[in-house]
């Protein structure tokens, strides 16, 4: 069974370091300190220009769970 290493990052610098360290793909977020939210379009563009591995973008408008109403 093949395993992939996906690294969660929130900056161009950490994306480049993840790639250099052997990551197979990146999960791009913002605000990792609170569990992650969607990154800005500018950050997505900058990361895509700097790495050659696949990038998955986290889509979460706010921190916390995914339950918005009762």
PDB file of N, CA and C in Angstrom:
ATOM      1  N   UNK A   1       0.838  -1.175   0.000  1.00  0.00           N
ATOM      2  CA  UNK A   1       0.000   0.000   0.000  1.00  0.00           C
ATOM      3  C   UNK A   1       0.883   1.239   0.000  1.00  0.00           C
ATOM      4  N   UNK A   2       0.588   2.148  -0.902  1.00  0.00           N
ATOM      5  CA  UNK A   2       1.354   3.393  -0.991  1.00  0.00           C
ATOM      6  C   UNK A   2       0.779   4.429  -0.042  1.00  0.00           C
ATOM      7  N   UNK A   3       1.643   5.150   0.637  1.00  0.00           N
ATOM      8  CA  UNK A   3       1.224   6.220   1.529  1.00  0.00           C
ATOM      9  C   UNK A   3       1.704   7.552   0.978  1.00  0.00           C
ATOM     10  N   UNK A   4       0.887   8.584   1.136  1.00  0.00           N
ATOM     11  CA  UNK A   4       1.254   9.929   0.725  1.00  0.00           C
ATOM     12  C   UNK A   4       1.405  10.798   1.961  1.00  0.00           C
ATOM     13  N   UNK A   5       2.327  11.728   1.884  1.00  0.00           N
ATOM     14  CA  UNK A   5       2.519  12.683   2.965  1.00  0.00           C
ATOM     15  C   UNK A   5       1.934  14.023   2.534  1.00  0.00           C
ATOM     16  N   UNK A   6       0.847  14.423   3.193  1.00  0.00           N
ATOM     17  CA  UNK A   6       0.233  15.724   2.942  1.00  0.00           C
ATOM     18  C   UNK A   6       0.556  16.617   4.132  1.00  0.00           C
ATOM     19  N   UNK A   7       1.108  17.782   3.861  1.00  0.00           N
ATOM     20  CA  UNK A   7       1.512  18.713   4.919  1.00  0.00           C
ATOM     21  C   UNK A   7       0.619  19.940   4.871  1.00  0.00           C
ATOM     22  N   UNK A   8       0.091  20.316   6.022  1.00  0.00           N
ATOM     23  CA  UNK A   8      -0.764  21.486   6.144  1.00  0.00           C
ATOM     24  C   UNK A   8       0.121  22.716   6.354  1.00  0.00           C
ATOM     25  N   UNK A   9      -0.035  23.720   5.507  1.00  0.00           N
ATOM     26  CA  UNK A   9       0.792  24.922   5.568  1.00  0.00           C
ATOM     27  C   UNK A   9      -0.071  26.168   5.455  1.00  0.00           C
ATOM     28  N   UNK A  10       0.507  27.303   5.890  1.00  0.00           N
ATOM     29  CA  UNK A  10      -0.238  28.567   5.809  1.00  0.00           C
ATOM     30  C   UNK A  10       0.601  29.723   5.283  1.00  0.00           C
ATOM     31  N   UNK A  11       1.679  29.399   4.560  1.00  0.00           N
ATOM     32  CA  UNK A  11       2.513  30.451   3.973  1.00  0.00           C
ATOM     33  C   UNK A  11       3.294  29.883   2.789  1.00  0.00           C
ATOM     34  N   UNK A  12       3.808  30.781   1.974  1.00  0.00           N
ATOM     35  CA  UNK A  12       4.649  30.360   0.855  1.00  0.00           C
ATOM     36  C   UNK A  12       5.905  29.680   1.384  1.00  0.00           C
ATOM     37  N   UNK A  13       6.510  30.266   2.408  1.00  0.00           N
ATOM     38  CA  UNK A  13       7.729  29.701   2.969  1.00  0.00           C
ATOM     39  C   UNK A  13       7.507  28.274   3.473  1.00  0.00           C
ATOM     40  N   UNK A  14       6.432  28.056   4.201  1.00  0.00           N
ATOM     41  CA  UNK A  14       6.207  26.712   4.726  1.00  0.00           C
ATOM     42  C   UNK A  14       5.840  25.734   3.611  1.00  0.00           C
ATOM     43  N   UNK A  15       5.195  26.195   2.554  1.00  0.00           N
ATOM     44  CA  UNK A  15       4.906  25.331   1.405  1.00  0.00           C
ATOM     45  C   UNK A  15       6.202  24.891   0.724  1.00  0.00           C
ATOM     46  N   UNK A  16       7.107  25.820   0.526  1.00  0.00           N
ATOM     47  CA  UNK A  16       8.389  25.475  -0.090  1.00  0.00           C
ATOM     48  C   UNK A  16       9.182  24.517   0.783  1.00  0.00           C
ATOM     49  N   UNK A  17       9.170  24.742   2.093  1.00  0.00           N
ATOM     50  CA  UNK A  17       9.885  23.855   3.006  1.00  0.00           C
ATOM     51  C   UNK A  17       9.256  22.463   3.040  1.00  0.00           C
ATOM     52  N   UNK A  18       7.944  22.394   2.969  1.00  0.00           N
ATOM     53  CA  UNK A  18       7.269  21.098   2.933  1.00  0.00           C
ATOM     54  C   UNK A  18       7.688  20.313   1.694  1.00  0.00           C
ATOM     55  N   UNK A  19       7.719  20.994   0.565  1.00  0.00           N
ATOM     56  CA  UNK A  19       8.148  20.334  -0.672  1.00  0.00           C
ATOM     57  C   UNK A  19       9.590  19.862  -0.560  1.00  0.00           C
ATOM     58  N   UNK A  20      10.462  20.720  -0.069  1.00  0.00           N
ATOM     59  CA  UNK A  20      11.872  20.347   0.105  1.00  0.00           C
ATOM     60  C   UNK A  20      12.035  19.179   1.072  1.00  0.00           C
ATOM     61  N   UNK A  21      11.134  19.089   2.057  1.00  0.00           N
ATOM     62  CA  UNK A  21      11.210  18.033   3.050  1.00  0.00           C
ATOM     63  C   UNK A  21      10.592  16.718   2.625  1.00  0.00           C
ATOM     64  N   UNK A  22      10.029  16.671   1.435  1.00  0.00           N
ATOM     65  CA  UNK A  22       9.522  15.406   0.913  1.00  0.00           C
ATOM     66  C   UNK A  22       8.018  15.249   0.892  1.00  0.00           C
ATOM     67  N   UNK A  23       7.271  16.307   1.126  1.00  0.00           N
ATOM     68  CA  UNK A  23       5.810  16.210   1.071  1.00  0.00           C
ATOM     69  C   UNK A  23       5.357  15.827  -0.331  1.00  0.00           C
ATOM     70  N   UNK A  24       4.334  14.991  -0.400  1.00  0.00           N
ATOM     71  CA  UNK A  24       3.758  14.599  -1.688  1.00  0.00           C
ATOM     72  C   UNK A  24       2.722  15.603  -2.166  1.00  0.00           C
ATOM     73  N   UNK A  25       2.086  16.271  -1.218  1.00  0.00           N
ATOM     74  CA  UNK A  25       1.113  17.305  -1.552  1.00  0.00           C
ATOM     75  C   UNK A  25       0.951  18.227  -0.344  1.00  0.00           C
ATOM     76  N   UNK A  26       0.268  19.348  -0.592  1.00  0.00           N
ATOM     77  CA  UNK A  26       0.105  20.384   0.429  1.00  0.00           C
ATOM     78  C   UNK A  26      -1.383  20.637   0.632  1.00  0.00           C
ATOM     79  N   UNK A  27      -1.759  20.848   1.890  1.00  0.00           N
ATOM     80  CA  UNK A  27      -3.075  21.400   2.195  1.00  0.00           C
ATOM     81  C   UNK A  27      -2.839  22.847   2.601  1.00  0.00           C
ATOM     82  N   UNK A  28      -3.328  23.774   1.810  1.00  0.00           N
ATOM     83  CA  UNK A  28      -3.092  25.190   2.042  1.00  0.00           C
ATOM     84  C   UNK A  28      -4.240  25.795   2.836  1.00  0.00           C
ATOM     85  N   UNK A  29      -3.893  26.441   3.946  1.00  0.00           N
ATOM     86  CA  UNK A  29      -4.861  27.048   4.860  1.00  0.00           C
ATOM     87  C   UNK A  29      -4.388  28.444   5.229  1.00  0.00           C
ATOM     88  N   UNK A  30      -5.215  29.117   5.987  1.00  0.00           N
ATOM     89  CA  UNK A  30      -4.832  30.340   6.699  1.00  0.00           C
ATOM     90  C   UNK A  30      -5.196  30.107   8.159  1.00  0.00           C
ATOM     91  N   UNK A  31      -4.652  30.893   9.037  1.00  0.00           N
ATOM     92  CA  UNK A  31      -5.023  30.854  10.461  1.00  0.00           C
ATOM     93  C   UNK A  31      -4.924  29.465  11.083  1.00  0.00           C
ATOM     94  N   UNK A  32      -3.829  28.783  10.854  1.00  0.00           N
ATOM     95  CA  UNK A  32      -3.671  27.448  11.428  1.00  0.00           C
ATOM     96  C   UNK A  32      -3.760  27.448  12.950  1.00  0.00           C
ATOM     97  N   UNK A  33      -3.404  28.541  13.567  1.00  0.00           N
ATOM     98  CA  UNK A  33      -3.426  28.626  15.026  1.00  0.00           C
ATOM     99  C   UNK A  33      -4.828  28.396  15.587  1.00  0.00           C
ATOM    100  N   UNK A  34      -5.872  28.660  14.787  1.00  0.00           N
ATOM    101  CA  UNK A  34      -7.243  28.433  15.243  1.00  0.00           C
ATOM    102  C   UNK A  34      -7.896  27.262  14.517  1.00  0.00           C
ATOM    103  N   UNK A  35      -7.111  26.424  13.886  1.00  0.00           N
ATOM    104  CA  UNK A  35      -7.643  25.241  13.229  1.00  0.00           C
ATOM    105  C   UNK A  35      -7.760  25.327  11.727  1.00  0.00           C
ATOM    106  N   UNK A  36      -7.512  26.506  11.166  1.00  0.00           N
ATOM    107  CA  UNK A  36      -7.498  26.665   9.723  1.00  0.00           C
ATOM    108  C   UNK A  36      -8.768  27.264   9.153  1.00  0.00           C
ATOM    109  N   UNK A  37      -8.576  28.215   8.254  1.00  0.00           N
ATOM    110  CA  UNK A  37      -9.655  28.811   7.479  1.00  0.00           C
ATOM    111  C   UNK A  37      -9.184  28.906   6.032  1.00  0.00           C
ATOM    112  N   UNK A  38     -10.054  29.345   5.161  1.00  0.00           N
ATOM    113  CA  UNK A  38      -9.689  29.461   3.742  1.00  0.00           C
ATOM    114  C   UNK A  38      -8.595  30.504   3.548  1.00  0.00           C
ATOM    115  N   UNK A  39      -7.593  30.183   2.734  1.00  0.00           N
ATOM    116  CA  UNK A  39      -6.559  31.169   2.431  1.00  0.00           C
ATOM    117  C   UNK A  39      -7.072  32.199   1.431  1.00  0.00           C
ATOM    118  N   UNK A  40      -6.365  33.314   1.347  1.00  0.00           N
ATOM    119  CA  UNK A  40      -6.731  34.340   0.378  1.00  0.00           C
ATOM    120  C   UNK A  40      -6.377  33.881  -1.034  1.00  0.00           C
ATOM    121  N   UNK A  41      -7.062  34.393  -2.044  1.00  0.00           N
ATOM    122  CA  UNK A  41      -6.690  34.073  -3.422  1.00  0.00           C
ATOM    123  C   UNK A  41      -5.225  34.425  -3.720  1.00  0.00           C
ATOM    124  N   UNK A  42      -4.722  35.510  -3.136  1.00  0.00           N
ATOM    125  CA  UNK A  42      -3.315  35.895  -3.373  1.00  0.00           C
ATOM    126  C   UNK A  42      -2.361  34.842  -2.824  1.00  0.00           C
ATOM    127  N   UNK A  43      -2.660  34.280  -1.660  1.00  0.00           N
ATOM    128  CA  UNK A  43      -1.794  33.239  -1.099  1.00  0.00           C
ATOM    129  C   UNK A  43      -1.854  31.977  -1.954  1.00  0.00           C
ATOM    130  N   UNK A  44      -3.031  31.613  -2.407  1.00  0.00           N
ATOM    131  CA  UNK A  44      -3.159  30.435  -3.274  1.00  0.00           C
ATOM    132  C   UNK A  44      -2.308  30.619  -4.528  1.00  0.00           C
ATOM    133  N   UNK A  45      -2.428  31.764  -5.153  1.00  0.00           N
ATOM    134  CA  UNK A  45      -1.656  32.045  -6.377  1.00  0.00           C
ATOM    135  C   UNK A  45      -0.159  31.993  -6.110  1.00  0.00           C
ATOM    136  N   UNK A  46       0.278  32.608  -5.023  1.00  0.00           N
ATOM    137  CA  UNK A  46       1.705  32.649  -4.703  1.00  0.00           C
ATOM    138  C   UNK A  46       2.254  31.246  -4.442  1.00  0.00           C
ATOM    139  N   UNK A  47       1.520  30.432  -3.719  1.00  0.00           N
ATOM    140  CA  UNK A  47       1.986  29.071  -3.440  1.00  0.00           C
ATOM    141  C   UNK A  47       2.041  28.253  -4.724  1.00  0.00           C
ATOM    142  N   UNK A  48       1.000  28.354  -5.548  1.00  0.00           N
ATOM    143  CA  UNK A  48       0.999  27.599  -6.806  1.00  0.00           C
ATOM    144  C   UNK A  48       2.164  27.977  -7.709  1.00  0.00           C
ATOM    145  N   UNK A  49       2.625  29.212  -7.616  1.00  0.00           N
ATOM    146  CA  UNK A  49       3.772  29.654  -8.421  1.00  0.00           C
ATOM    147  C   UNK A  49       5.100  29.143  -7.876  1.00  0.00           C
ATOM    148  N   UNK A  50       5.135  28.733  -6.618  1.00  0.00           N
ATOM    149  CA  UNK A  50       6.407  28.389  -5.971  1.00  0.00           C
ATOM    150  C   UNK A  50       6.645  26.897  -5.755  1.00  0.00           C
ATOM    151  N   UNK A  51       5.605  26.065  -5.862  1.00  0.00           N
ATOM    152  CA  UNK A  51       5.792  24.634  -5.631  1.00  0.00           C
ATOM    153  C   UNK A  51       5.359  23.834  -6.846  1.00  0.00           C
ATOM    154  N   UNK A  52       5.892  22.637  -6.956  1.00  0.00           N
ATOM    155  CA  UNK A  52       5.592  21.761  -8.087  1.00  0.00           C
ATOM    156  C   UNK A  52       4.734  20.564  -7.695  1.00  0.00           C
ATOM    157  N   UNK A  53       4.360  20.448  -6.423  1.00  0.00           N
ATOM    158  CA  UNK A  53       3.540  19.338  -5.966  1.00  0.00           C
ATOM    159  C   UNK A  53       2.074  19.790  -5.892  1.00  0.00           C
ATOM    160  N   UNK A  54       1.139  18.842  -5.873  1.00  0.00           N
ATOM    161  CA  UNK A  54      -0.282  19.226  -5.806  1.00  0.00           C
ATOM    162  C   UNK A  54      -0.606  20.030  -4.548  1.00  0.00           C
ATOM    163  N   UNK A  55      -1.537  20.960  -4.697  1.00  0.00           N
ATOM    164  CA  UNK A  55      -1.979  21.811  -3.593  1.00  0.00           C
ATOM    165  C   UNK A  55      -3.497  21.663  -3.447  1.00  0.00           C
ATOM    166  N   UNK A  56      -3.933  21.222  -2.270  1.00  0.00           N
ATOM    167  CA  UNK A  56      -5.352  21.195  -1.924  1.00  0.00           C
ATOM    168  C   UNK A  56      -5.623  22.423  -1.069  1.00  0.00           C
ATOM    169  N   UNK A  57      -6.678  23.159  -1.393  1.00  0.00           N
ATOM    170  CA  UNK A  57      -7.004  24.381  -0.671  1.00  0.00           C
ATOM    171  C   UNK A  57      -8.157  24.107   0.289  1.00  0.00           C
ATOM    172  N   UNK A  58      -7.947  24.423   1.557  1.00  0.00           N
ATOM    173  CA  UNK A  58      -8.987  24.266   2.562  1.00  0.00           C
ATOM    174  C   UNK A  58     -10.068  25.326   2.356  1.00  0.00           C
ATOM    175  N   UNK A  59     -11.316  24.907   2.318  1.00  0.00           N
ATOM    176  CA  UNK A  59     -12.434  25.842   2.208  1.00  0.00           C
ATOM    177  C   UNK A  59     -13.228  25.774   3.506  1.00  0.00           C
ATOM    178  N   UNK A  60     -12.971  26.722   4.368  1.00  0.00           N
ATOM    179  CA  UNK A  60     -13.665  26.825   5.659  1.00  0.00           C
ATOM    180  C   UNK A  60     -13.772  28.309   5.987  1.00  0.00           C
ATOM    181  N   UNK A  61     -14.990  28.861   6.010  1.00  0.00           N
ATOM    182  CA  UNK A  61     -15.161  30.297   6.195  1.00  0.00           C
ATOM    183  C   UNK A  61     -14.887  30.794   7.611  1.00  0.00           C
ATOM    184  N   UNK A  62     -14.885  29.886   8.582  1.00  0.00           N
ATOM    185  CA  UNK A  62     -14.655  30.285   9.976  1.00  0.00           C
ATOM    186  C   UNK A  62     -14.056  29.096  10.715  1.00  0.00           C
ATOM    187  N   UNK A  63     -13.491  29.331  11.879  1.00  0.00           N
ATOM    188  CA  UNK A  63     -12.949  28.228  12.647  1.00  0.00           C
ATOM    189  C   UNK A  63     -14.078  27.503  13.383  1.00  0.00           C
ATOM    190  N   UNK A  64     -13.776  26.339  13.911  1.00  0.00           N
ATOM    191  CA  UNK A  64     -14.768  25.550  14.636  1.00  0.00           C
ATOM    192  C   UNK A  64     -15.289  24.407  13.800  1.00  0.00           C
ATOM    193  N   UNK A  65     -16.434  23.892  14.207  1.00  0.00           N
ATOM    194  CA  UNK A  65     -17.016  22.745  13.509  1.00  0.00           C
ATOM    195  C   UNK A  65     -17.719  23.191  12.227  1.00  0.00           C
ATOM    196  N   UNK A  66     -18.361  22.253  11.584  1.00  0.00           N
ATOM    197  CA  UNK A  66     -19.033  22.543  10.321  1.00  0.00           C
ATOM    198  C   UNK A  66     -20.537  22.686  10.482  1.00  0.00           C
ATOM    199  N   UNK A  67     -21.028  22.722  11.724  1.00  0.00           N
ATOM    200  CA  UNK A  67     -22.455  22.867  11.988  1.00  0.00           C
ATOM    201  C   UNK A  67     -22.775  24.359  12.129  1.00  0.00           C
ATOM    202  N   UNK A  68     -23.486  24.912  11.161  1.00  0.00           N
ATOM    203  CA  UNK A  68     -23.767  26.348  11.166  1.00  0.00           C
ATOM    204  C   UNK A  68     -25.084  26.694  11.847  1.00  0.00           C
ATOM    205  N   UNK A  69     -26.019  25.736  11.901  1.00  0.00           N
ATOM    206  CA  UNK A  69     -27.302  25.953  12.572  1.00  0.00           C
ATOM    207  C   UNK A  69     -27.657  24.708  13.355  1.00  0.00           C
ATOM    208  N   UNK A  70     -28.617  24.827  14.244  1.00  0.00           N
ATOM    209  CA  UNK A  70     -29.098  23.650  14.983  1.00  0.00           C
ATOM    210  C   UNK A  70     -29.716  22.644  14.026  1.00  0.00           C
TER     211      UNK A  70
END
